[in-house]
């Protein structure tokens, strides 16, 4: 899709929402590929894995703020991804949840807390220090507090 002019896009997609839908699915598929190497590793200590996965996801999201908005915020009024485009997001979260379980984090609220914490730091970084590292510098501290809280 790089280099296409707006009118030519509609020869490939029937509508604006279809374009957004394709971009949503592509963004989550790219995220899964980018973070694939962060999968659960029995030789990696739980805290090390939490820190690494947080840093990788944080960096992926902040390097493209528009993609992050599409993936993690409801920035397009009325847009709901199709089942096909939503599938990479669901698959990513299933994989992430399975990785958390490898380290003993099986409670849904523990996964939700980690997800909300990392997402909040990403949002704060993009809103308050785009291109900087103010909120990324807090990432390891936040993950350590989380690990302490869940008993790792």
Protein backbone atom coordinates (compact mmCIF):
# COMPACT_ATOMS: atom_id res chain seq x y z
CA UNK A 1 0.00 0.00 0.00
CA UNK A 2 3.01 2.31 0.23
CA UNK A 3 3.04 4.91 -2.52
CA UNK A 4 -0.61 4.50 -3.51
CA UNK A 5 -2.70 7.59 -4.02
CA UNK A 6 -6.03 7.84 -2.21
CA UNK A 7 -8.24 7.28 -5.26
CA UNK A 8 -6.36 4.11 -6.24
CA UNK A 9 -6.91 2.62 -2.78
CA UNK A 10 -10.59 2.20 -3.54
CA UNK A 11 -9.76 -0.13 -6.42
CA UNK A 12 -8.32 -2.45 -3.75
CA UNK A 13 -10.74 -1.75 -0.89
CA UNK A 14 -14.48 -1.15 -1.08
CA UNK A 15 -14.56 1.55 1.61
CA UNK A 16 -12.64 3.65 4.11
CA UNK A 17 -13.57 1.21 6.89
CA UNK A 18 -12.22 -1.68 4.82
CA UNK A 19 -8.87 0.13 4.60
CA UNK A 20 -8.85 0.74 8.36
CA UNK A 21 -9.83 -2.88 8.94
CA UNK A 22 -6.93 -4.14 6.85
CA UNK A 23 -4.54 -1.77 8.62
CA UNK A 24 -5.77 -2.99 12.03
CA UNK A 25 -5.13 -6.63 11.16
CA UNK A 26 -1.75 -5.80 9.61
CA UNK A 27 -0.68 -3.83 12.69
CA UNK A 28 -1.38 -6.73 15.05
CA UNK A 29 0.26 -9.22 12.68
CA UNK A 30 3.37 -6.98 12.59
CA UNK A 31 3.33 -6.77 16.37
CA UNK A 32 3.21 -10.56 16.67
CA UNK A 33 6.15 -10.91 14.26
CA UNK A 34 8.16 -8.19 16.02
CA UNK A 35 7.62 -9.69 19.46
CA UNK A 36 7.82 -13.33 18.41
CA UNK A 37 11.29 -13.68 19.87
CA UNK A 38 9.95 -12.64 23.28
CA UNK A 39 7.99 -15.85 23.72
CA UNK A 40 8.15 -17.71 26.99
CA UNK A 41 11.53 -19.31 27.50
CA UNK A 42 11.97 -21.79 30.29
CA UNK A 43 15.59 -20.67 30.70
CA UNK A 44 14.61 -17.01 31.15
CA UNK A 45 13.74 -15.93 34.68
CA UNK A 46 10.15 -14.70 35.09
CA UNK A 47 11.15 -11.13 35.95
CA UNK A 48 13.59 -11.01 33.06
CA UNK A 49 10.82 -12.13 30.70
CA UNK A 50 8.35 -9.56 32.08
CA UNK A 51 10.89 -6.77 31.66
CA UNK A 52 11.85 -7.84 28.16
CA UNK A 53 8.28 -8.26 26.94
CA UNK A 54 7.32 -4.86 28.40
CA UNK A 55 10.24 -3.11 26.71
CA UNK A 56 9.63 -4.80 23.35
CA UNK A 57 5.90 -3.99 23.32
CA UNK A 58 6.48 -0.44 24.58
CA UNK A 59 9.07 0.26 21.90
CA UNK A 60 6.91 -1.28 19.16
CA UNK A 61 3.97 0.92 20.12
CA UNK A 62 5.79 4.22 20.57
CA UNK A 63 7.75 3.96 17.33
CA UNK A 64 4.50 4.48 15.37
CA UNK A 65 1.93 6.49 17.36
CA UNK A 66 -0.74 6.27 14.65
CA UNK A 67 -0.44 2.49 14.46
CA UNK A 68 -0.61 2.37 18.27
CA UNK A 69 -3.82 4.41 18.23
CA UNK A 70 -5.38 2.04 15.73
CA UNK A 71 -4.30 -1.02 17.72
CA UNK A 72 -4.93 0.09 21.28
CA UNK A 73 -7.41 2.95 21.30
CA UNK A 74 -10.86 3.45 19.84
CA UNK A 75 -9.67 6.35 17.70
CA UNK A 76 -11.96 5.79 14.69
CA UNK A 77 -15.59 6.42 15.68
CA UNK A 78 -17.83 3.49 14.82
CA UNK A 79 -14.99 1.25 13.63
CA UNK A 80 -15.20 -2.37 14.69
CA UNK A 81 -12.67 -4.75 13.17
CA UNK A 82 -13.94 -7.66 11.12
CA UNK A 83 -13.41 -11.13 12.57
CA UNK A 84 -10.58 -11.68 10.07
CA UNK A 85 -8.75 -8.50 11.05
CA UNK A 86 -9.45 -9.00 14.74
CA UNK A 87 -7.96 -12.52 14.66
CA UNK A 88 -4.28 -11.39 14.86
CA UNK A 89 -5.09 -9.32 17.96
CA UNK A 90 -6.87 -12.24 19.61
CA UNK A 91 -4.03 -14.58 18.67
CA UNK A 92 -1.45 -12.16 20.07
CA UNK A 93 -3.28 -11.94 23.41
CA UNK A 94 -3.78 -15.72 23.58
CA UNK A 95 -0.06 -16.21 22.96
CA UNK A 96 0.83 -13.55 25.53
CA UNK A 97 -1.54 -15.06 28.11
CA UNK A 98 -0.04 -18.52 27.50
CA UNK A 99 3.45 -17.05 28.02
CA UNK A 100 2.33 -15.45 31.29
CA UNK A 101 0.99 -18.84 32.40
CA UNK A 102 4.43 -20.43 31.83
CA UNK A 103 5.63 -18.18 34.64
CA UNK A 104 2.69 -18.96 36.91
CA UNK A 105 0.58 -15.90 36.07
CA UNK A 106 -2.73 -17.54 35.29
CA UNK A 107 -5.24 -15.19 36.88
CA UNK A 108 -7.04 -12.99 34.36
CA UNK A 109 -6.73 -9.98 36.66
CA UNK A 110 -2.93 -10.38 36.75
CA UNK A 111 -2.76 -10.35 32.94
CA UNK A 112 -5.18 -7.40 32.83
CA UNK A 113 -3.14 -5.41 35.35
CA UNK A 114 0.09 -5.93 33.42
CA UNK A 115 -1.61 -5.01 30.15
CA UNK A 116 -3.16 -1.86 31.64
CA UNK A 117 0.10 -0.83 33.29
CA UNK A 118 2.18 -1.13 30.12
CA UNK A 119 -0.56 0.45 28.01
CA UNK A 120 -0.81 3.36 30.43
CA UNK A 121 2.92 4.02 30.24
CA UNK A 122 2.75 3.89 26.43
CA UNK A 123 -0.14 6.37 26.42
CA UNK A 124 1.67 8.70 28.84
CA UNK A 125 4.84 8.57 26.72
CA UNK A 126 3.01 9.39 23.51
CA UNK A 127 0.89 12.13 25.09
CA UNK A 128 3.52 13.84 27.22
CA UNK A 129 6.96 13.18 25.76
CA UNK A 130 6.67 11.98 22.15
CA UNK A 131 10.10 11.07 20.85
CA UNK A 132 11.54 11.16 24.36
CA UNK A 133 12.02 8.55 27.07
CA UNK A 134 10.44 10.05 30.19
CA UNK A 135 7.88 7.27 30.61
CA UNK A 136 10.05 4.49 29.19
CA UNK A 137 12.53 5.19 31.99
CA UNK A 138 9.76 4.20 34.43
CA UNK A 139 9.03 0.91 32.68
CA UNK A 140 11.51 -1.29 34.56
CA UNK A 141 10.46 0.20 37.89
CA UNK A 142 6.78 -0.43 37.14
CA UNK A 143 7.45 -4.01 36.03
CA UNK A 144 9.46 -4.65 39.20
CA UNK A 145 6.58 -3.34 41.32
CA UNK A 146 4.20 -5.57 39.37
CA UNK A 147 6.44 -8.61 39.81
CA UNK A 148 6.65 -7.93 43.54
CA UNK A 149 2.86 -7.62 43.72
CA UNK A 150 2.18 -10.94 41.97
CA UNK A 151 4.86 -12.76 43.94
CA UNK A 152 7.51 -13.35 41.30
